[in-house]
């Protein structure tokens, strides 16, 4: 399995490089390549995980297909043979990790749904009894299941850290109709994904998704319910009142926190065993969810 840290196609302008994805602008379409880069705390790490981009793409495609009756998505094709030249000549590089996508106007809000109390949500609850301005019942513990999923948006920062915002701030950013639609779509998607995953023995504690506007309507874009954008826990091993072992990037976050890193670039190198464990977990959750 080859490791793809970045892509460069001869004769084609260099792509826009995000934290993980390389994006080629094809006019009315985009070619989106999920590389094997790893980011944590909004910083790209010096290490890569071989095959990570392929695993993320396969998981996203699975979930996009599951949500098609709720909302359309940006995927046109994930087959390299359907890509325009010269991209269709690079199957070894692009195969399995790339999609040809509709271009959409990105809505500048990260749409986060939390079904369990963890991460920054747990930290906020301990301080104020609320998460992003949403009051929660007293007496909840770390990893407690919430009475109902909550929509907790954040800013979408081009650089640096995203910041949690209240729903009122979301309304100010994108307007009441769009904010309401984002909340409705996000919770409906989470509800279905939670039930689907739980039937396979996986708890989706929380997830982050992105939306855009295409053809006058809102569509799903970017990735969906991957280990990079979600917390996955084993239902069999779940214990309220403590942190959970994760099938996601939390392994890497925990390792970096334990190293005393201040979350500012440059990020430190990770031990090989941490990278290996993260790669194994990505593969496990792909197999469990999508087969």
Protein backbone atom coordinates (compact mmCIF):
# COMPACT_ATOMS: atom_id res chain seq x y z
CA UNK A 1 0.00 0.00 0.00
CA UNK A 2 1.51 3.30 -1.06
CA UNK A 3 1.60 6.36 1.19
CA UNK A 4 0.29 9.53 -0.43
CA UNK A 5 1.24 12.61 1.53
CA UNK A 6 0.46 15.00 -1.31
CA UNK A 7 -0.43 14.83 -5.00
CA UNK A 8 1.03 16.63 -8.00
CA UNK A 9 -0.31 15.84 -11.47
CA UNK A 10 2.03 16.85 -14.33
CA UNK A 11 0.60 19.60 -16.49
CA UNK A 12 -2.05 20.53 -13.91
CA UNK A 13 -1.93 23.51 -11.56
CA UNK A 14 -1.07 22.58 -7.98
CA UNK A 15 -4.15 21.76 -5.88
CA UNK A 16 -5.42 23.66 -2.90
CA UNK A 17 -4.12 21.68 0.03
CA UNK A 18 -6.30 21.40 3.10
CA UNK A 19 -5.31 19.65 6.28
CA UNK A 20 -5.94 16.24 4.73
CA UNK A 21 -7.34 16.75 1.22
CA UNK A 22 -5.87 18.01 -2.04
CA UNK A 23 -8.55 19.76 -4.11
CA UNK A 24 -8.25 20.35 -7.86
CA UNK A 25 -10.56 22.99 -9.35
CA UNK A 26 -12.01 21.71 -12.66
CA UNK A 27 -14.33 24.65 -13.31
CA UNK A 28 -17.83 23.45 -12.44
CA UNK A 29 -16.46 20.38 -10.65
CA UNK A 30 -13.80 19.48 -8.11
CA UNK A 31 -11.48 16.51 -7.87
CA UNK A 32 -10.99 15.82 -4.15
CA UNK A 33 -8.13 13.56 -3.08
CA UNK A 34 -7.97 12.25 0.49
CA UNK A 35 -4.26 11.98 1.26
CA UNK A 36 -2.66 10.09 4.13
CA UNK A 37 -1.84 13.29 6.00
CA UNK A 38 -2.93 13.45 9.63
CA UNK A 39 -4.08 16.55 11.50
CA UNK A 40 -4.83 17.05 15.17
CA UNK A 41 -5.96 20.19 16.97
CA UNK A 42 -6.11 21.81 13.49
CA UNK A 43 -2.39 21.27 12.86
CA UNK A 44 -1.00 18.95 10.17
CA UNK A 45 1.37 16.42 11.70
CA UNK A 46 4.76 15.50 10.21
CA UNK A 47 3.73 11.82 10.04
CA UNK A 48 1.28 10.12 7.68
CA UNK A 49 -0.76 6.91 8.01
CA UNK A 50 -0.47 4.65 4.92
CA UNK A 51 -3.86 3.99 3.34
CA UNK A 52 -5.71 6.44 5.58
CA UNK A 53 -7.08 8.42 2.64
CA UNK A 54 -8.55 5.32 1.04
CA UNK A 55 -10.20 4.27 4.29
CA UNK A 56 -11.70 7.73 4.83
CA UNK A 57 -13.05 7.81 1.29
CA UNK A 58 -14.66 4.38 1.54
CA UNK A 59 -16.32 5.25 4.85
CA UNK A 60 -17.63 8.58 3.51
CA UNK A 61 -19.04 6.91 0.38
CA UNK A 62 -20.83 4.35 2.56
CA UNK A 63 -22.47 7.05 4.65
CA UNK A 64 -23.29 9.30 1.68
CA UNK A 65 -25.23 6.38 0.18
CA UNK A 66 -27.06 5.82 3.49
CA UNK A 67 -28.24 9.44 3.66
CA UNK A 68 -29.27 9.96 0.06
CA UNK A 69 -32.99 10.08 0.86
CA UNK A 70 -32.38 12.73 3.55
CA UNK A 71 -30.12 15.05 1.55
CA UNK A 72 -28.14 15.04 -1.69
CA UNK A 73 -24.35 15.07 -1.61
CA UNK A 74 -21.59 16.34 -3.85
CA UNK A 75 -20.34 12.98 -5.19
CA UNK A 76 -20.43 12.53 -8.97
CA UNK A 77 -18.13 9.50 -9.19
CA UNK A 78 -15.39 7.73 -7.26
CA UNK A 79 -14.19 5.77 -10.30
CA UNK A 80 -10.91 7.02 -11.77
CA UNK A 81 -12.09 5.97 -15.23
CA UNK A 82 -14.83 8.62 -14.93
CA UNK A 83 -12.35 11.39 -14.12
CA UNK A 84 -11.41 13.84 -16.89
CA UNK A 85 -7.92 13.69 -18.42
CA UNK A 86 -5.19 13.71 -17.30
CA UNK A 87 -6.50 12.49 -13.92
CA UNK A 88 -7.96 9.30 -15.40
CA UNK A 89 -4.40 8.21 -16.19
CA UNK A 90 -3.34 8.11 -12.53
CA UNK A 91 -5.29 5.19 -11.15
CA UNK A 92 -2.46 4.00 -8.89
CA UNK A 93 -2.16 7.40 -7.23
CA UNK A 94 -5.83 8.42 -7.13
CA UNK A 95 -7.73 5.13 -7.05
CA UNK A 96 -9.80 4.52 -3.92
CA UNK A 97 -8.99 7.88 -2.35
CA UNK A 98 -10.55 10.39 -4.77
CA UNK A 99 -13.97 11.62 -5.81
CA UNK A 100 -15.18 13.80 -8.65
CA UNK A 101 -17.55 16.23 -6.97
CA UNK A 102 -20.03 18.95 -7.73
CA UNK A 103 -18.70 22.37 -6.89
CA UNK A 104 -20.72 24.01 -4.13
CA UNK A 105 -20.65 27.27 -2.25
CA UNK A 106 -19.34 26.26 1.16
CA UNK A 107 -21.53 27.27 4.11
CA UNK A 108 -19.01 28.68 6.63
CA UNK A 109 -20.16 26.65 9.66
CA UNK A 110 -18.95 23.31 11.00
CA UNK A 111 -22.08 21.34 11.91
CA UNK A 112 -21.44 19.28 15.03
CA UNK A 113 -23.94 16.93 16.63
CA UNK A 114 -23.25 15.46 20.08
CA UNK A 115 -25.08 12.44 21.37
CA UNK A 116 -22.71 11.81 24.28
CA UNK A 117 -20.72 14.09 26.57
CA UNK A 118 -17.06 13.98 25.60
CA UNK A 119 -14.13 16.14 24.53
CA UNK A 120 -14.71 19.88 24.57
CA UNK A 121 -18.39 19.28 25.35
CA UNK A 122 -17.50 17.51 28.60
CA UNK A 123 -15.05 20.28 29.47
CA UNK A 124 -17.70 22.95 28.86
CA UNK A 125 -20.33 21.06 30.87
CA UNK A 126 -18.04 20.78 33.89
CA UNK A 127 -17.46 24.54 33.80
CA UNK A 128 -20.96 25.81 33.09
CA UNK A 129 -23.47 22.97 32.93
CA UNK A 130 -24.00 23.74 29.27
CA UNK A 131 -22.50 23.13 25.83
CA UNK A 132 -22.49 25.95 23.28
CA UNK A 133 -25.19 27.74 25.23
CA UNK A 134 -27.42 24.66 25.52
CA UNK A 135 -28.22 23.89 29.15
CA UNK A 136 -27.99 20.21 30.12
CA UNK A 137 -29.37 18.31 33.13
CA UNK A 138 -27.22 18.24 36.27
CA UNK A 139 -25.38 15.11 37.30
CA UNK A 140 -24.12 14.00 33.88
CA UNK A 141 -20.77 12.24 33.79
CA UNK A 142 -17.99 11.95 31.24
CA UNK A 143 -19.29 9.92 28.27
CA UNK A 144 -22.92 10.13 29.47
CA UNK A 145 -25.53 9.72 26.75
CA UNK A 146 -27.44 12.97 26.36
CA UNK A 147 -31.25 13.02 26.69
CA UNK A 148 -31.37 13.98 23.01
CA UNK A 149 -28.67 14.85 20.45
CA UNK A 150 -27.68 18.51 20.43
CA UNK A 151 -26.53 20.70 17.55
CA UNK A 152 -23.39 22.61 18.53
CA UNK A 153 -21.94 24.46 15.53
CA UNK A 154 -18.49 25.97 15.27
CA UNK A 155 -16.77 28.49 13.06
CA UNK A 156 -15.03 27.12 9.98
CA UNK A 157 -11.55 28.58 10.17
CA UNK A 158 -9.31 28.54 7.08
CA UNK A 159 -6.33 28.57 9.45
CA UNK A 160 -5.97 28.01 13.18
CA UNK A 161 -8.57 26.54 15.50
CA UNK A 162 -12.31 26.38 14.91
CA UNK A 163 -14.35 27.93 17.74
CA UNK A 164 -17.64 26.68 19.17
CA UNK A 165 -20.54 29.08 18.72
CA UNK A 166 -24.12 29.22 19.93
CA UNK A 167 -27.08 28.61 17.65
CA UNK A 168 -27.87 32.35 17.78
CA UNK A 169 -24.37 33.08 16.50
CA UNK A 170 -24.94 30.52 13.75
CA UNK A 171 -28.12 32.38 12.79
CA UNK A 172 -26.15 35.62 12.64
CA UNK A 173 -23.53 33.98 10.42
CA UNK A 174 -25.77 32.28 7.83
CA UNK A 175 -29.34 33.50 8.44
CA UNK A 176 -32.26 31.87 10.27
CA UNK A 177 -33.52 29.69 7.41
CA UNK A 178 -30.11 28.23 6.61
CA UNK A 179 -29.23 27.76 10.29
CA UNK A 180 -32.50 25.94 10.91
CA UNK A 181 -31.97 23.70 7.88
CA UNK A 182 -28.41 22.88 8.95
CA UNK A 183 -29.60 21.90 12.42
CA UNK A 184 -32.43 19.76 11.04
CA UNK A 185 -30.28 17.95 8.48
CA UNK A 186 -27.42 17.42 10.94
CA UNK A 187 -29.58 15.84 13.63
CA UNK A 188 -31.47 13.65 11.15
CA UNK A 189 -28.19 12.39 9.71
CA UNK A 190 -26.77 11.75 13.17
CA UNK A 191 -29.91 9.92 14.32
CA UNK A 192 -29.79 7.53 11.37
CA UNK A 193 -26.03 6.99 11.63
CA UNK A 194 -26.25 6.38 15.39
CA UNK A 195 -28.90 3.70 14.93
CA UNK A 196 -27.09 2.10 11.98
CA UNK A 197 -23.79 1.96 13.84
CA UNK A 198 -25.33 0.75 17.12
CA UNK A 199 -26.77 -2.23 15.28
CA UNK A 200 -23.16 -3.07 14.40
CA UNK A 201 -21.89 -2.60 17.95
CA UNK A 202 -20.54 0.95 17.55
CA UNK A 203 -21.53 4.10 19.43
CA UNK A 204 -21.15 7.37 17.50
CA UNK A 205 -20.54 9.81 20.34
CA UNK A 206 -20.41 12.90 18.16
CA UNK A 207 -19.68 13.92 14.60
CA UNK A 208 -18.90 16.94 12.46
CA UNK A 209 -20.25 17.54 8.97
CA UNK A 210 -20.13 20.24 6.33
CA UNK A 211 -22.70 21.55 3.89
CA UNK A 212 -22.66 23.63 0.75
CA UNK A 213 -25.12 25.20 -1.69
CA UNK A 214 -25.46 23.81 -5.21
CA UNK A 215 -28.30 24.30 -7.68
CA UNK A 216 -30.08 26.50 -5.18
CA UNK A 217 -30.25 23.81 -2.51
CA UNK A 218 -28.20 22.60 0.45
CA UNK A 219 -26.07 19.49 -0.08
CA UNK A 220 -23.58 17.47 1.96
CA UNK A 221 -19.93 18.05 1.08
CA UNK A 222 -16.43 17.12 2.25
CA UNK A 223 -16.40 13.88 4.32
CA UNK A 224 -19.08 12.18 6.38
CA UNK A 225 -18.92 10.19 9.63
CA UNK A 226 -15.27 9.18 9.32
CA UNK A 227 -12.75 8.58 12.13
CA UNK A 228 -11.37 12.04 11.35
CA UNK A 229 -14.72 13.75 11.96
CA UNK A 230 -16.39 11.53 14.57
CA UNK A 231 -15.87 9.70 17.84
CA UNK A 232 -16.55 5.97 17.55
CA UNK A 233 -16.74 3.79 20.67
CA UNK A 234 -17.33 0.07 21.19
CA UNK A 235 -20.85 -0.44 22.56
CA UNK A 236 -19.70 -3.60 24.34
CA UNK A 237 -16.88 -1.79 26.15
CA UNK A 238 -18.78 1.45 26.88
CA UNK A 239 -18.67 2.58 30.50
CA UNK A 240 -20.25 5.84 31.63
CA UNK A 241 -18.12 8.08 33.85
CA UNK A 242 -14.80 7.65 32.09
CA UNK A 243 -13.04 8.25 28.79
CA UNK A 244 -13.60 5.58 26.14
CA UNK A 245 -11.18 3.70 23.92
CA UNK A 246 -11.81 5.10 20.45
CA UNK A 247 -11.86 3.84 16.87
CA UNK A 248 -10.78 7.25 15.68
CA UNK A 249 -8.23 10.05 15.89
CA UNK A 250 -8.58 10.32 19.67
CA UNK A 251 -5.65 7.91 19.97
CA UNK A 252 -3.46 10.51 18.29
CA UNK A 253 -4.93 13.45 20.24
CA UNK A 254 -4.31 11.66 23.54
CA UNK A 255 -0.72 10.85 22.58
CA UNK A 256 0.00 14.46 21.63
CA UNK A 257 -1.59 15.78 24.83
CA UNK A 258 0.53 13.36 26.86
CA UNK A 259 3.66 14.69 25.16
CA UNK A 260 2.95 18.17 26.52
CA UNK A 261 2.55 19.75 23.09
CA UNK A 262 1.09 23.27 23.19
CA UNK A 263 -1.06 22.63 20.06
CA UNK A 264 0.85 25.17 18.00
CA UNK A 265 2.90 24.36 14.88
CA UNK A 266 5.13 22.56 14.40
CA UNK A 267 3.65 19.36 15.79
CA UNK A 268 5.98 16.72 17.24
CA UNK A 269 6.70 13.36 15.63
CA UNK A 270 4.56 10.52 16.94
CA UNK A 271 5.89 7.15 18.11
CA UNK A 272 5.57 4.43 15.50
CA UNK A 273 3.33 2.34 17.77
CA UNK A 274 0.79 5.19 18.02
CA UNK A 275 0.64 5.52 14.23
CA UNK A 276 0.30 1.76 13.87
CA UNK A 277 -2.51 1.61 16.43
CA UNK A 278 -4.35 4.48 14.73
CA UNK A 279 -4.02 2.78 11.32
CA UNK A 280 -5.40 -0.45 12.76
CA UNK A 281 -8.34 1.37 14.32
CA UNK A 282 -9.19 3.11 11.03
CA UNK A 283 -9.18 -0.27 9.33
CA UNK A 284 -11.32 -1.85 12.04
CA UNK A 285 -14.04 0.79 11.90
CA UNK A 286 -14.11 0.62 8.10
CA UNK A 287 -14.63 -3.14 8.26
CA UNK A 288 -17.28 -2.94 10.98
CA UNK A 289 -19.31 -0.16 9.36
CA UNK A 290 -18.86 -0.59 5.63
CA UNK A 291 -17.47 -4.10 5.22
